[in-house]
């Protein structure tokens, strides 16, 4: 197996071979190359929390899917019937690694300067907290702020209803606004959740549920908790 320094060197050569692909110096990357970089950073990520990164029957297919997706590999659409223009909605039980794996992809983007796979990660609980701490019309500023930009909203369903002259599920508004921006501006959203699709429909309503089906590639990460 190649060392991390050898892979990084190969990646730098890859960038040099395609200097005119983007004026913004955005680097393109193949699926095999992204997998190698992901593996390096996943080993480092889990080592830092005294755990071991393992590829097994529960996550092997999932890792292949997300690497194809983030490298803009058309095989994602051919093999998995997905759409590269959509975001990812990742469901699954507690502790299967949904958030960790997407945090690692974000780390890969940052370290290797792969802008095409960058997104900001924000827990839904924190957004509700920001909303609750705001006053008057500034509450709507929170909604507007999170209605644009490339975001991963982590742990949809864990948030409580916000306080707004009573109780309000602000993610109904956020997701509807992001749907409008998805249609008009191709803005991508990613979600992780422990909820099933039926639970999402019950909590956020039929209107948001229909938009979620249109906005997202829905992936399930199966398996037992990896936190122990």
Protein backbone atom coordinates (compact mmCIF):
# COMPACT_ATOMS: atom_id res chain seq x y z
CA UNK A 1 0.00 0.00 0.00
CA UNK A 2 1.28 3.47 -0.86
CA UNK A 3 2.30 5.83 1.92
CA UNK A 4 0.39 9.03 2.62
CA UNK A 5 3.29 11.11 1.29
CA UNK A 6 3.28 9.20 -1.99
CA UNK A 7 -0.47 9.70 -2.42
CA UNK A 8 -0.25 13.41 -1.62
CA UNK A 9 2.55 13.73 -4.19
CA UNK A 10 0.39 11.96 -6.78
CA UNK A 11 -2.45 14.34 -6.00
CA UNK A 12 -0.22 17.36 -6.55
CA UNK A 13 0.81 15.94 -9.93
CA UNK A 14 -2.85 15.43 -10.79
CA UNK A 15 -3.55 19.11 -10.13
CA UNK A 16 -0.59 20.14 -12.29
CA UNK A 17 -1.86 18.11 -15.23
CA UNK A 18 -5.11 20.06 -15.47
CA UNK A 19 -4.24 23.72 -14.81
CA UNK A 20 -6.94 25.18 -17.04
CA UNK A 21 -9.96 23.24 -15.79
CA UNK A 22 -11.11 26.05 -13.51
CA UNK A 23 -10.13 29.66 -13.05
CA UNK A 24 -10.94 29.25 -9.37
CA UNK A 25 -8.22 26.56 -9.15
CA UNK A 26 -10.80 24.00 -8.11
CA UNK A 27 -9.20 20.57 -8.20
CA UNK A 28 -10.98 17.64 -9.81
CA UNK A 29 -10.43 14.17 -8.45
CA UNK A 30 -11.20 10.63 -9.57
CA UNK A 31 -13.12 8.16 -7.45
CA UNK A 32 -10.11 5.84 -6.83
CA UNK A 33 -7.98 8.80 -5.79
CA UNK A 34 -10.65 10.17 -3.48
CA UNK A 35 -10.97 6.76 -1.86
CA UNK A 36 -7.25 6.71 -1.11
CA UNK A 37 -7.30 10.16 0.44
CA UNK A 38 -10.43 9.34 2.39
CA UNK A 39 -8.82 6.19 3.79
CA UNK A 40 -5.75 8.13 4.95
CA UNK A 41 -7.80 10.77 6.74
CA UNK A 42 -10.27 8.26 8.15
CA UNK A 43 -7.42 6.30 9.77
CA UNK A 44 -6.05 9.54 11.23
CA UNK A 45 -9.50 10.76 12.38
CA UNK A 46 -10.33 7.60 14.29
CA UNK A 47 -6.81 7.20 15.67
CA UNK A 48 -7.17 10.65 17.24
CA UNK A 49 -10.20 9.44 19.20
CA UNK A 50 -8.57 6.12 20.11
CA UNK A 51 -10.65 4.08 17.72
CA UNK A 52 -9.92 2.09 14.58
CA UNK A 53 -11.32 2.82 11.14
CA UNK A 54 -12.84 -0.35 9.74
CA UNK A 55 -14.33 -1.10 6.36
CA UNK A 56 -16.81 -3.94 6.70
CA UNK A 57 -19.97 -5.40 5.21
CA UNK A 58 -22.09 -2.62 6.73
CA UNK A 59 -20.22 0.39 5.34
CA UNK A 60 -18.21 -0.80 2.31
CA UNK A 61 -20.97 -0.15 -0.23
CA UNK A 62 -21.87 3.13 1.46
CA UNK A 63 -18.26 4.39 1.24
CA UNK A 64 -18.15 3.47 -2.44
CA UNK A 65 -21.36 5.39 -3.06
CA UNK A 66 -20.30 8.60 -1.32
CA UNK A 67 -16.85 8.59 -2.96
CA UNK A 68 -18.49 8.25 -6.36
CA UNK A 69 -20.89 11.05 -5.46
CA UNK A 70 -18.29 13.52 -4.22
CA UNK A 71 -15.96 12.86 -7.15
CA UNK A 72 -18.84 13.60 -9.57
CA UNK A 73 -18.49 10.11 -10.99
CA UNK A 74 -21.27 9.30 -13.46
CA UNK A 75 -21.18 5.74 -12.11
CA UNK A 76 -23.07 7.13 -9.12
CA UNK A 77 -26.02 7.66 -11.43
CA UNK A 78 -25.56 4.49 -13.47
CA UNK A 79 -24.82 2.01 -10.68
CA UNK A 80 -26.85 3.48 -7.83
CA UNK A 81 -29.65 5.25 -9.69
CA UNK A 82 -28.69 8.54 -8.02
CA UNK A 83 -28.53 12.10 -9.30
CA UNK A 84 -25.35 14.12 -8.88
CA UNK A 85 -27.29 17.39 -8.89
CA UNK A 86 -29.05 16.41 -5.66
CA UNK A 87 -27.75 16.43 -2.12
CA UNK A 88 -27.37 13.46 0.23
CA UNK A 89 -29.83 12.49 2.93
CA UNK A 90 -28.17 9.84 5.07
CA UNK A 91 -30.35 7.83 7.40
CA UNK A 92 -29.52 5.06 9.82
CA UNK A 93 -29.45 4.04 13.46
CA UNK A 94 -27.52 5.88 16.17
CA UNK A 95 -23.76 5.39 16.11
CA UNK A 96 -23.31 3.89 12.65
CA UNK A 97 -20.91 6.67 11.60
CA UNK A 98 -23.09 8.94 9.48
CA UNK A 99 -21.67 12.19 10.85
CA UNK A 100 -18.10 10.92 11.25
CA UNK A 101 -17.80 9.81 7.64
CA UNK A 102 -19.07 13.14 6.33
CA UNK A 103 -16.76 15.03 8.71
CA UNK A 104 -13.87 13.03 7.23
CA UNK A 105 -14.96 13.98 3.70
CA UNK A 106 -14.95 17.62 4.79
CA UNK A 107 -11.43 17.17 6.21
CA UNK A 108 -10.28 15.70 2.90
CA UNK A 109 -11.71 18.71 1.09
CA UNK A 110 -9.89 21.12 3.37
CA UNK A 111 -6.48 19.40 3.51
CA UNK A 112 -6.25 18.64 -0.20
CA UNK A 113 -8.09 21.80 -1.34
CA UNK A 114 -10.81 19.97 -3.24
CA UNK A 115 -13.44 22.69 -3.41
CA UNK A 116 -15.99 20.58 -5.25
CA UNK A 117 -16.67 18.49 -2.13
CA UNK A 118 -16.66 21.28 0.47
CA UNK A 119 -19.68 21.97 2.68
CA UNK A 120 -20.19 23.51 6.10
CA UNK A 121 -21.47 21.23 8.87
CA UNK A 122 -24.04 22.57 11.31
CA UNK A 123 -26.01 20.55 13.88
CA UNK A 124 -29.73 21.26 13.72
CA UNK A 125 -29.75 21.72 17.51
CA UNK A 126 -27.31 24.64 17.23
CA UNK A 127 -29.40 26.40 14.58
CA UNK A 128 -32.49 26.22 16.79
CA UNK A 129 -30.34 27.61 19.63
CA UNK A 130 -29.28 30.56 17.46
CA UNK A 131 -32.90 31.20 16.55
CA UNK A 132 -34.03 31.11 20.19
CA UNK A 133 -31.30 33.54 21.27
CA UNK A 134 -32.31 36.03 18.57
CA UNK A 135 -34.98 38.64 19.12
CA UNK A 136 -37.73 40.10 16.96
CA UNK A 137 -36.97 40.36 13.26
CA UNK A 138 -33.44 38.99 13.74
CA UNK A 139 -35.00 35.55 14.13
CA UNK A 140 -35.89 35.67 10.44
CA UNK A 141 -32.25 36.51 9.69
CA UNK A 142 -31.27 33.10 11.08
CA UNK A 143 -33.75 31.40 8.75
CA UNK A 144 -32.49 33.37 5.75
CA UNK A 145 -28.84 32.73 6.61
CA UNK A 146 -29.26 28.96 6.59
CA UNK A 147 -31.47 28.98 3.51
CA UNK A 148 -28.44 29.44 1.23
CA UNK A 149 -24.87 28.17 1.06
CA UNK A 150 -23.70 24.57 0.88
CA UNK A 151 -24.56 22.92 4.20
CA UNK A 152 -24.73 19.58 5.90
CA UNK A 153 -27.41 19.83 8.58
CA UNK A 154 -26.46 17.20 11.10
CA UNK A 155 -28.96 15.11 13.06
CA UNK A 156 -32.25 16.32 11.61
CA UNK A 157 -34.97 15.41 14.08
CA UNK A 158 -32.82 15.88 17.19
CA UNK A 159 -33.76 19.57 17.38
CA UNK A 160 -36.67 20.79 19.47
CA UNK A 161 -39.28 23.20 18.22
CA UNK A 162 -38.07 26.79 18.37
CA UNK A 163 -39.63 29.57 20.44
CA UNK A 164 -41.42 32.12 18.26
CA UNK A 165 -44.53 33.46 20.01
CA UNK A 166 -45.26 29.84 20.75
CA UNK A 167 -43.54 26.85 19.21
CA UNK A 168 -42.35 26.55 15.62
CA UNK A 169 -40.53 23.84 13.72
CA UNK A 170 -38.11 26.17 11.94
CA UNK A 171 -36.64 23.43 9.76
CA UNK A 172 -39.89 23.33 7.85
CA UNK A 173 -39.16 26.90 6.74
CA UNK A 174 -35.44 26.31 6.20
CA UNK A 175 -35.97 23.22 4.05
CA UNK A 176 -38.70 24.88 1.98
CA UNK A 177 -36.47 27.90 1.31
CA UNK A 178 -33.55 25.65 0.44
CA UNK A 179 -35.82 23.73 -1.93
CA UNK A 180 -36.58 27.00 -3.72
CA UNK A 181 -32.84 27.73 -3.96
CA UNK A 182 -32.18 24.19 -5.14
CA UNK A 183 -34.64 24.71 -7.99
CA UNK A 184 -33.52 28.22 -8.93
CA UNK A 185 -29.80 28.27 -8.03
CA UNK A 186 -28.73 24.60 -7.81
CA UNK A 187 -27.83 25.02 -4.11
CA UNK A 188 -27.03 21.67 -2.55
CA UNK A 189 -28.10 20.51 0.91
CA UNK A 190 -26.94 17.43 2.83
CA UNK A 191 -28.70 15.91 5.84
CA UNK A 192 -27.99 13.21 8.40
CA UNK A 193 -30.82 11.81 10.50
CA UNK A 194 -31.78 8.92 12.73
CA UNK A 195 -35.37 9.28 11.53
CA UNK A 196 -36.97 7.00 9.00
CA UNK A 197 -38.60 8.54 5.94
CA UNK A 198 -42.01 7.89 7.50
CA UNK A 199 -40.94 9.70 10.67
CA UNK A 200 -39.66 12.63 8.58
CA UNK A 201 -43.02 12.82 6.83
CA UNK A 202 -44.88 12.80 10.15
CA UNK A 203 -42.67 15.43 11.79
CA UNK A 204 -42.15 17.89 8.92
CA UNK A 205 -45.32 17.35 6.93
CA UNK A 206 -46.22 16.10 3.47
CA UNK A 207 -45.13 19.27 1.69
CA UNK A 208 -41.55 19.13 3.04
CA UNK A 209 -41.47 15.36 2.60
CA UNK A 210 -42.26 15.71 -1.11
CA UNK A 211 -39.52 18.32 -1.47
CA UNK A 212 -37.04 16.10 0.33
CA UNK A 213 -37.70 13.32 -2.17
CA UNK A 214 -36.93 15.78 -4.96
CA UNK A 215 -33.86 17.37 -3.33
CA UNK A 216 -31.97 14.35 -2.02
CA UNK A 217 -30.35 11.07 -2.85
CA UNK A 218 -31.51 8.97 0.08
CA UNK A 219 -28.86 6.62 1.47
CA UNK A 220 -29.06 4.29 4.46
CA UNK A 221 -26.02 3.44 6.57
CA UNK A 222 -26.85 0.18 8.28
CA UNK A 223 -25.19 -1.68 11.11
CA UNK A 224 -24.72 -1.61 14.85
CA UNK A 225 -23.30 1.29 16.83
CA UNK A 226 -19.55 1.77 16.37
CA UNK A 227 -19.20 3.89 19.49
CA UNK A 228 -18.31 0.97 21.74
